[in-house]
Each structure stands twice: as C-alpha cells, then as structure tokens.
C-alpha atoms as a PDB file:
ATOM      1  CA  UNK A   1    -111.534 -71.123 -17.539  1.00  0.00           C
ATOM      2  CA  UNK A   2    -110.995 -71.123 -13.778  1.00  0.00           C
ATOM      3  CA  UNK A   3    -111.084 -67.337 -12.305  1.00  0.00           C
ATOM      4  CA  UNK A   4    -108.319 -66.689 -10.047  1.00  0.00           C
ATOM      5  CA  UNK A   5    -107.259 -63.832  -8.093  1.00  0.00           C
ATOM      6  CA  UNK A   6    -105.126 -62.325 -10.864  1.00  0.00           C
ATOM      7  CA  UNK A   7    -107.771 -62.700 -13.492  1.00  0.00           C
ATOM      8  CA  UNK A   8    -110.651 -61.291 -11.400  1.00  0.00           C
ATOM      9  CA  UNK A   9    -110.595 -57.912 -10.476  1.00  0.00           C
ATOM     10  CA  UNK A  10    -112.262 -56.503  -7.854  1.00  0.00           C
ATOM     11  CA  UNK A  11    -111.923 -53.483  -5.444  1.00  0.00           C
ATOM     12  CA  UNK A  12    -113.179 -53.978  -1.820  1.00  0.00           C
ATOM     13  CA  UNK A  13    -113.429 -50.729   0.602  1.00  0.00           C
ATOM     14  CA  UNK A  14    -113.749 -50.288   4.043  1.00  0.00           C
ATOM     15  CA  UNK A  15    -114.936 -46.588   4.605  1.00  0.00           C
ATOM     16  CA  UNK A  16    -112.034 -44.823   2.806  1.00  0.00           C
ATOM     17  CA  UNK A  17    -109.505 -46.189   5.020  1.00  0.00           C
ATOM     18  CA  UNK A  18    -108.851 -49.586   3.954  1.00  0.00           C
ATOM     19  CA  UNK A  19    -108.626 -51.144   0.338  1.00  0.00           C
ATOM     20  CA  UNK A  20    -107.863 -54.591  -1.054  1.00  0.00           C
ATOM     21  CA  UNK A  21    -107.522 -55.010  -4.985  1.00  0.00           C
ATOM     22  CA  UNK A  22    -107.428 -58.186  -6.684  1.00  0.00           C
ATOM     23  CA  UNK A  23    -106.284 -58.734 -10.214  1.00  0.00           C
ATOM     24  CA  UNK A  24    -103.064 -57.046  -9.335  1.00  0.00           C
ATOM     25  CA  UNK A  25     -99.866 -57.364 -12.144  1.00  0.00           C
ATOM     26  CA  UNK A  26     -97.753 -54.969 -10.656  1.00  0.00           C
ATOM     27  CA  UNK A  27     -97.150 -51.521  -8.780  1.00  0.00           C
ATOM     28  CA  UNK A  28     -95.825 -49.130 -11.204  1.00  0.00           C
ATOM     29  CA  UNK A  29     -95.219 -46.437  -8.699  1.00  0.00           C
ATOM     30  CA  UNK A  30     -96.149 -45.143  -5.279  1.00  0.00           C
ATOM     31  CA  UNK A  31     -95.806 -42.230  -2.701  1.00  0.00           C
ATOM     32  CA  UNK A  32     -97.940 -41.153   0.319  1.00  0.00           C
ATOM     33  CA  UNK A  33    -100.289 -39.446  -1.865  1.00  0.00           C
ATOM     34  CA  UNK A  34    -100.553 -41.661  -4.756  1.00  0.00           C
ATOM     35  CA  UNK A  35    -100.335 -45.239  -5.864  1.00  0.00           C
ATOM     36  CA  UNK A  36    -100.119 -46.334  -9.688  1.00  0.00           C
ATOM     37  CA  UNK A  37    -101.239 -50.010 -10.158  1.00  0.00           C
ATOM     38  CA  UNK A  38    -100.843 -52.348 -13.398  1.00  0.00           C
ATOM     39  CA  UNK A  39    -103.942 -54.478 -13.152  1.00  0.00           C
ATOM     40  CA  UNK A  40    -105.727 -57.081 -15.649  1.00  0.00           C
ATOM     41  CA  UNK A  41    -108.254 -54.213 -16.347  1.00  0.00           C
ATOM     42  CA  UNK A  42    -105.761 -51.389 -16.988  1.00  0.00           C
ATOM     43  CA  UNK A  43    -103.816 -48.953 -14.937  1.00  0.00           C
ATOM     44  CA  UNK A  44    -105.483 -48.100 -11.814  1.00  0.00           C
ATOM     45  CA  UNK A  45    -104.620 -44.718 -10.236  1.00  0.00           C
ATOM     46  CA  UNK A  46    -105.302 -44.204  -6.432  1.00  0.00           C
ATOM     47  CA  UNK A  47    -104.936 -40.854  -4.849  1.00  0.00           C
ATOM     48  CA  UNK A  48    -105.382 -39.546  -1.242  1.00  0.00           C
ATOM     49  CA  UNK A  49    -103.117 -39.129   1.835  1.00  0.00           C
ATOM     50  CA  UNK A  50    -101.374 -40.822   3.904  1.00  0.00           C
ATOM     51  CA  UNK A  51    -101.321 -44.171   1.882  1.00  0.00           C
ATOM     52  CA  UNK A  52     -99.547 -47.144   3.074  1.00  0.00           C
ATOM     53  CA  UNK A  53     -98.942 -50.253   1.187  1.00  0.00           C
ATOM     54  CA  UNK A  54    -100.010 -53.449   3.866  1.00  0.00           C
ATOM     55  CA  UNK A  55     -99.556 -55.898   1.511  1.00  0.00           C
ATOM     56  CA  UNK A  56     -98.446 -56.747  -2.166  1.00  0.00           C
ATOM     57  CA  UNK A  57     -98.565 -60.119  -3.381  1.00  0.00           C
ATOM     58  CA  UNK A  58     -98.101 -60.079  -7.280  1.00  0.00           C
ATOM     59  CA  UNK A  59     -97.875 -63.718  -7.719  1.00  0.00           C
ATOM     60  CA  UNK A  60    -101.497 -63.882  -6.320  1.00  0.00           C
ATOM     61  CA  UNK A  61    -102.757 -60.717  -7.581  1.00  0.00           C
ATOM     62  CA  UNK A  62    -103.614 -59.097  -4.239  1.00  0.00           C
ATOM     63  CA  UNK A  63    -102.878 -55.384  -3.176  1.00  0.00           C
ATOM     64  CA  UNK A  64    -103.831 -54.182   0.475  1.00  0.00           C
ATOM     65  CA  UNK A  65    -103.667 -50.636   1.623  1.00  0.00           C
ATOM     66  CA  UNK A  66    -104.394 -48.219   4.366  1.00  0.00           C
ATOM     67  CA  UNK A  67    -104.811 -44.217   4.563  1.00  0.00           C
ATOM     68  CA  UNK A  68    -107.165 -41.536   3.366  1.00  0.00           C
ATOM     69  CA  UNK A  69    -108.689 -42.570  -0.685  1.00  0.00           C
ATOM     70  CA  UNK A  70    -109.955 -39.407  -2.434  1.00  0.00           C
ATOM     71  CA  UNK A  71    -110.483 -40.889  -5.700  1.00  0.00           C
ATOM     72  CA  UNK A  72    -109.692 -43.967  -8.440  1.00  0.00           C
ATOM     73  CA  UNK A  73    -109.616 -44.114 -11.878  1.00  0.00           C
ATOM     74  CA  UNK A  74    -108.351 -46.082 -14.860  1.00  0.00           C
ATOM     75  CA  UNK A  75    -106.065 -45.196 -17.506  1.00  0.00           C
ATOM     76  CA  UNK A  76    -104.762 -47.214 -20.343  1.00  0.00           C
ATOM     77  CA  UNK A  77    -100.589 -47.689 -21.014  1.00  0.00           C
ATOM     78  CA  UNK A  78     -99.389 -45.927 -23.774  1.00  0.00           C
ATOM     79  CA  UNK A  79     -99.277 -47.834 -27.061  1.00  0.00           C
ATOM     80  CA  UNK A  80     -97.310 -44.943 -28.921  1.00  0.00           C
ATOM     81  CA  UNK A  81     -93.778 -45.702 -29.982  1.00  0.00           C
ATOM     82  CA  UNK A  82     -91.320 -43.219 -28.836  1.00  0.00           C
ATOM     83  CA  UNK A  83     -88.407 -42.592 -31.306  1.00  0.00           C
ATOM     84  CA  UNK A  84     -84.795 -41.451 -30.244  1.00  0.00           C
ATOM     85  CA  UNK A  85     -84.493 -39.848 -26.690  1.00  0.00           C
ATOM     86  CA  UNK A  86     -88.215 -40.290 -26.045  1.00  0.00           C
ATOM     87  CA  UNK A  87     -89.732 -38.185 -28.421  1.00  0.00           C
ATOM     88  CA  UNK A  88     -92.942 -38.998 -29.398  1.00  0.00           C
ATOM     89  CA  UNK A  89     -92.924 -39.948 -33.023  1.00  0.00           C
END
C-alpha cells in the first residue's frame, strides 16, 4: 500500500515556533491557545499561545501552524453512546 501525507502521521517542529503535521483528517476546534485536530492516529491536542493556522489542506492531510507551543498530547474520540439530551447511558 502506498503511503501518502494523509496516511503517514508526522510532526515536524522548528523550535517551538513553527509546526507541520501530516496525517490530518480535520480540525475539530481552535483558538489562539489550543487546537484540536483529528488525525489518522487519534485526536491531537496542541496547546500554547498566539497559535495561528497558516495552512490547512484536509485533502492532502497537512496542517501548518505558528505560535508558541507548550504541549502536544493525544486523546481518543469518545465511543460511548449518549442518550436523549446528551446524557451518558
């Protein structure tokens, strides 16, 4: 199977000021202190300050950002089903 930018997950940082992420499926949410990204390896959470999305190419699976990066961590999407009005069942 041929690997593409969308199936290969890499994070490249230049210091703590620039970042390029491959394997990106979607941006779930963002502001200037946090970005949540759905990737082929799970949900990638990026925290810092003055965060700015420079380039987002979902079809190519690429995200480029600038800012001051403090932390990166992964979480898994919730698989629990929710009942009426969003209550956990």
